[in-house]
C-alpha atoms as a PDB file:
ATOM      1  CA  MET A   1      -0.329   0.158  -0.004  1.00  0.00           C
ATOM      2  CA  GLN A   2       1.236   3.756  -0.938  1.00  0.00           C
ATOM      3  CA  ARG A   3       1.596   6.049   1.195  1.00  0.00           C
ATOM      4  CA  ALA A   4       0.016  10.012   0.143  1.00  0.00           C
ATOM      5  CA  TYR A   5      -1.386  12.888   1.365  1.00  0.00           C
ATOM      6  CA  LYS A   6      -5.008  13.882   1.071  1.00  0.00           C
ATOM      7  CA  ILE A   7      -6.739  17.109   1.754  1.00  0.00           C
ATOM      8  CA  GLY A   8     -10.583  17.902   1.682  1.00  0.00           C
ATOM      9  CA  LYS A   9     -13.195  20.656   1.452  1.00  0.00           C
ATOM     10  CA  THR A  10     -17.037  20.151   2.162  1.00  0.00           C
ATOM     11  CA  PHE A  11     -19.628  22.083   0.190  1.00  0.00           C
ATOM     12  CA  LYS A  12     -23.304  21.879   0.935  1.00  0.00           C
ATOM     13  CA  PHE A  13     -26.528  22.646  -1.316  1.00  0.00           C
ATOM     14  CA  CYS A  14     -30.040  22.115  -1.398  1.00  0.00           C
ATOM     15  CA  ALA A  15     -32.030  20.836  -4.204  1.00  0.00           C
ATOM     16  CA  SER A  16     -34.609  18.060  -5.366  1.00  0.00           C
ATOM     17  CA  HIS A  17     -35.084  15.140  -7.237  1.00  0.00           C
ATOM     18  CA  GLU A  18     -37.317  12.613  -8.327  1.00  0.00           C
ATOM     19  CA  LEU A  19     -36.085   8.881  -9.020  1.00  0.00           C
ATOM     20  CA  LYS A  20     -38.838   7.083 -11.214  1.00  0.00           C
ATOM     21  CA  SER A  21     -36.834   4.018 -11.731  1.00  0.00           C
ATOM     22  CA  LEU A  22     -37.786   2.968  -8.316  1.00  0.00           C
ATOM     23  CA  GLY A  23     -41.446   2.622  -9.316  1.00  0.00           C
ATOM     24  CA  LYS A  24     -44.891   3.815  -8.102  1.00  0.00           C
ATOM     25  CA  GLY A  25     -44.659   3.392  -3.915  1.00  0.00           C
ATOM     26  CA  HIS A  26     -41.289   4.215  -3.611  1.00  0.00           C
ATOM     27  CA  PRO A  27     -41.048   7.510  -1.366  1.00  0.00           C
ATOM     28  CA  CYS A  28     -38.059   8.483  -3.395  1.00  0.00           C
ATOM     29  CA  SER A  29     -40.264   8.023  -7.114  1.00  0.00           C
ATOM     30  CA  SER A  30     -42.192  11.541  -5.928  1.00  0.00           C
ATOM     31  CA  PRO A  31     -40.150  14.740  -6.211  1.00  0.00           C
ATOM     32  CA  HIS A  32     -38.696  15.504  -2.903  1.00  0.00           C
ATOM     33  CA  GLY A  33     -35.603  17.307  -1.736  1.00  0.00           C
ATOM     34  CA  HIS A  34     -32.307  17.057   0.024  1.00  0.00           C
ATOM     35  CA  ASN A  35     -29.994  18.999   2.206  1.00  0.00           C
ATOM     36  CA  TYR A  36     -26.754  17.636   0.273  1.00  0.00           C
ATOM     37  CA  LYS A  37     -23.213  17.724   1.463  1.00  0.00           C
ATOM     38  CA  VAL A  38     -20.774  17.013  -0.959  1.00  0.00           C
ATOM     39  CA  GLU A  39     -16.595  16.186  -0.087  1.00  0.00           C
ATOM     40  CA  LEU A  40     -14.123  16.527  -2.469  1.00  0.00           C
ATOM     41  CA  ILE A  41     -10.420  14.666  -1.739  1.00  0.00           C
ATOM     42  CA  MET A  42      -7.611  15.190  -3.571  1.00  0.00           C
ATOM     43  CA  ARG A  43      -4.568  13.121  -3.074  1.00  0.00           C
ATOM     44  CA  MET A  44      -0.793  13.172  -4.125  1.00  0.00           C
ATOM     45  CA  ILE A  45       2.378  11.281  -3.270  1.00  0.00           C
ATOM     46  CA  HIS A  46       4.617  14.026  -2.833  1.00  0.00           C
ATOM     47  CA  LEU A  47       3.764  17.490  -1.666  1.00  0.00           C
ATOM     48  CA  ASN A  48       4.395  20.218  -3.926  1.00  0.00           C
ATOM     49  CA  VAL A  49       6.795  23.294  -3.863  1.00  0.00           C
ATOM     50  CA  LYS A  50       4.782  25.213  -1.572  1.00  0.00           C
ATOM     51  CA  GLY A  51       4.542  22.410   0.759  1.00  0.00           C
ATOM     52  CA  MET A  52       0.845  21.030   0.272  1.00  0.00           C
ATOM     53  CA  VAL A  53      -1.352  18.678  -1.847  1.00  0.00           C
ATOM     54  CA  GLU A  54      -3.102  21.881  -2.848  1.00  0.00           C
ATOM     55  CA  ASP A  55      -4.387  25.334  -1.414  1.00  0.00           C
ATOM     56  CA  PHE A  56      -7.822  24.905  -0.315  1.00  0.00           C
ATOM     57  CA  ASN A  57      -8.800  27.863  -2.223  1.00  0.00           C
ATOM     58  CA  ALA A  58      -8.324  25.779  -5.503  1.00  0.00           C
ATOM     59  CA  PHE A  59     -11.682  24.427  -4.825  1.00  0.00           C
ATOM     60  CA  GLU A  60     -13.639  27.487  -5.380  1.00  0.00           C
ATOM     61  CA  ASP A  61     -14.227  26.914  -9.122  1.00  0.00           C
ATOM     62  CA  VAL A  62     -16.399  23.709  -7.901  1.00  0.00           C
ATOM     63  CA  GLU A  63     -18.169  25.628  -5.247  1.00  0.00           C
ATOM     64  CA  LYS A  64     -19.183  28.012  -7.803  1.00  0.00           C
ATOM     65  CA  MET A  65     -20.564  25.643 -10.259  1.00  0.00           C
ATOM     66  CA  ILE A  66     -22.453  23.563  -7.345  1.00  0.00           C
ATOM     67  CA  LYS A  67     -24.169  27.018  -6.483  1.00  0.00           C
ATOM     68  CA  ARG A  68     -24.925  27.896 -10.294  1.00  0.00           C
ATOM     69  CA  ARG A  69     -25.741  24.420 -11.352  1.00  0.00           C
ATOM     70  CA  LEU A  70     -27.404  22.632  -8.751  1.00  0.00           C
ATOM     71  CA  ASP A  71     -28.163  24.576  -5.658  1.00  0.00           C
ATOM     72  CA  HIS A  72     -31.747  24.761  -5.425  1.00  0.00           C
ATOM     73  CA  SER A  73     -32.508  23.264  -8.482  1.00  0.00           C
ATOM     74  CA  CYS A  74     -34.284  20.204  -9.780  1.00  0.00           C
ATOM     75  CA  LEU A  75     -31.731  17.580 -10.323  1.00  0.00           C
ATOM     76  CA  ASN A  76     -33.330  15.713 -13.110  1.00  0.00           C
ATOM     77  CA  ASN A  77     -32.654  19.043 -15.006  1.00  0.00           C
ATOM     78  CA  GLU A  78     -28.936  18.332 -14.948  1.00  0.00           C
ATOM     79  CA  ILE A  79     -28.252  14.767 -13.774  1.00  0.00           C
ATOM     80  CA  GLU A  80     -29.858  11.507 -15.717  1.00  0.00           C
ATOM     81  CA  GLN A  81     -31.146   9.217 -12.684  1.00  0.00           C
ATOM     82  CA  PRO A  82     -29.945  11.913 -10.286  1.00  0.00           C
ATOM     83  CA  THR A  83     -28.986   9.288  -7.438  1.00  0.00           C
ATOM     84  CA  ALA A  84     -26.498   9.873  -4.955  1.00  0.00           C
ATOM     85  CA  GLU A  85     -24.073   7.795  -6.920  1.00  0.00           C
ATOM     86  CA  ASN A  86     -24.763   9.808 -10.071  1.00  0.00           C
ATOM     87  CA  ILE A  87     -24.540  13.370  -8.122  1.00  0.00           C
ATOM     88  CA  ALA A  88     -20.583  12.197  -6.991  1.00  0.00           C
ATOM     89  CA  LYS A  89     -19.721  11.130 -10.722  1.00  0.00           C
ATOM     90  CA  PHE A  90     -21.233  14.166 -12.119  1.00  0.00           C
ATOM     91  CA  ILE A  91     -19.020  16.331 -10.060  1.00  0.00           C
ATOM     92  CA  PHE A  92     -15.943  14.095  -9.888  1.00  0.00           C
ATOM     93  CA  ASP A  93     -16.183  14.456 -13.798  1.00  0.00           C
ATOM     94  CA  TRP A  94     -16.830  17.797 -14.111  1.00  0.00           C
ATOM     95  CA  SER A  95     -14.150  18.507 -11.531  1.00  0.00           C
ATOM     96  CA  MET A  96     -11.466  16.244 -13.425  1.00  0.00           C
ATOM     97  CA  THR A  97     -10.866  18.842 -15.775  1.00  0.00           C
ATOM     98  CA  THR A  98      -9.049  21.645 -13.520  1.00  0.00           C
ATOM     99  CA  HIS A  99      -7.934  19.087 -10.858  1.00  0.00           C
ATOM    100  CA  LYS A 100      -5.744  16.352 -11.726  1.00  0.00           C
ATOM    101  CA  TYR A 101      -4.984  14.889  -8.199  1.00  0.00           C
ATOM    102  CA  LEU A 102      -8.898  14.773  -7.599  1.00  0.00           C
ATOM    103  CA  TYR A 103      -8.948  11.467  -5.598  1.00  0.00           C
ATOM    104  CA  SER A 104     -12.972  11.220  -4.518  1.00  0.00           C
ATOM    105  CA  VAL A 105     -15.952  13.035  -4.349  1.00  0.00           C
ATOM    106  CA  LYS A 106     -18.741  11.733  -1.557  1.00  0.00           C
ATOM    107  CA  VAL A 107     -22.137  12.938  -1.457  1.00  0.00           C
ATOM    108  CA  TRP A 108     -24.621  12.959   1.542  1.00  0.00           C
ATOM    109  CA  GLU A 109     -28.217  12.939   0.835  1.00  0.00           C
ATOM    110  CA  THR A 110     -28.895  13.038   4.679  1.00  0.00           C
ATOM    111  CA  ASP A 111     -26.545  12.581   7.679  1.00  0.00           C
ATOM    112  CA  ASP A 112     -26.695   8.850   7.682  1.00  0.00           C
ATOM    113  CA  CYS A 113     -26.474   8.328   4.194  1.00  0.00           C
ATOM    114  CA  TRP A 114     -23.835   8.830   1.431  1.00  0.00           C
ATOM    115  CA  ALA A 115     -22.464   7.746  -2.094  1.00  0.00           C
ATOM    116  CA  GLU A 116     -18.432   7.968  -3.139  1.00  0.00           C
ATOM    117  CA  TYR A 117     -16.883   8.106  -6.530  1.00  0.00           C
ATOM    118  CA  THR A 118     -13.571   7.314  -6.225  1.00  0.00           C
ATOM    119  CA  ILE A 119     -10.141   6.545  -8.363  1.00  0.00           C
ATOM    120  CA  GLU A 120      -9.379   2.915  -7.174  1.00  0.00           C
END
């Protein structure tokens, strides 16, 4: 197992979705909302010349995207099948374009339930 440095930052947003694939009768198949929490983690084997993985301010673009595209929205308009798993992948894929050391994105729908998309 390789040792590495990791840093993370969390963001919060509110949004609604409906998961029609679960079928009628399932509570999540109707429109409903969550107070989501998102955690992004970057990972590096060696620190950069500044002695860090990355400045925490580097996550600012991700926060702006979340606020602009996801916060107070219906996630079905942005993400096909907006499960916690697919929301994590959506944020991961968007973030990889500018954050080459991104390691994982974790999305909480509730305090107890989360999904993670990661590089293994």
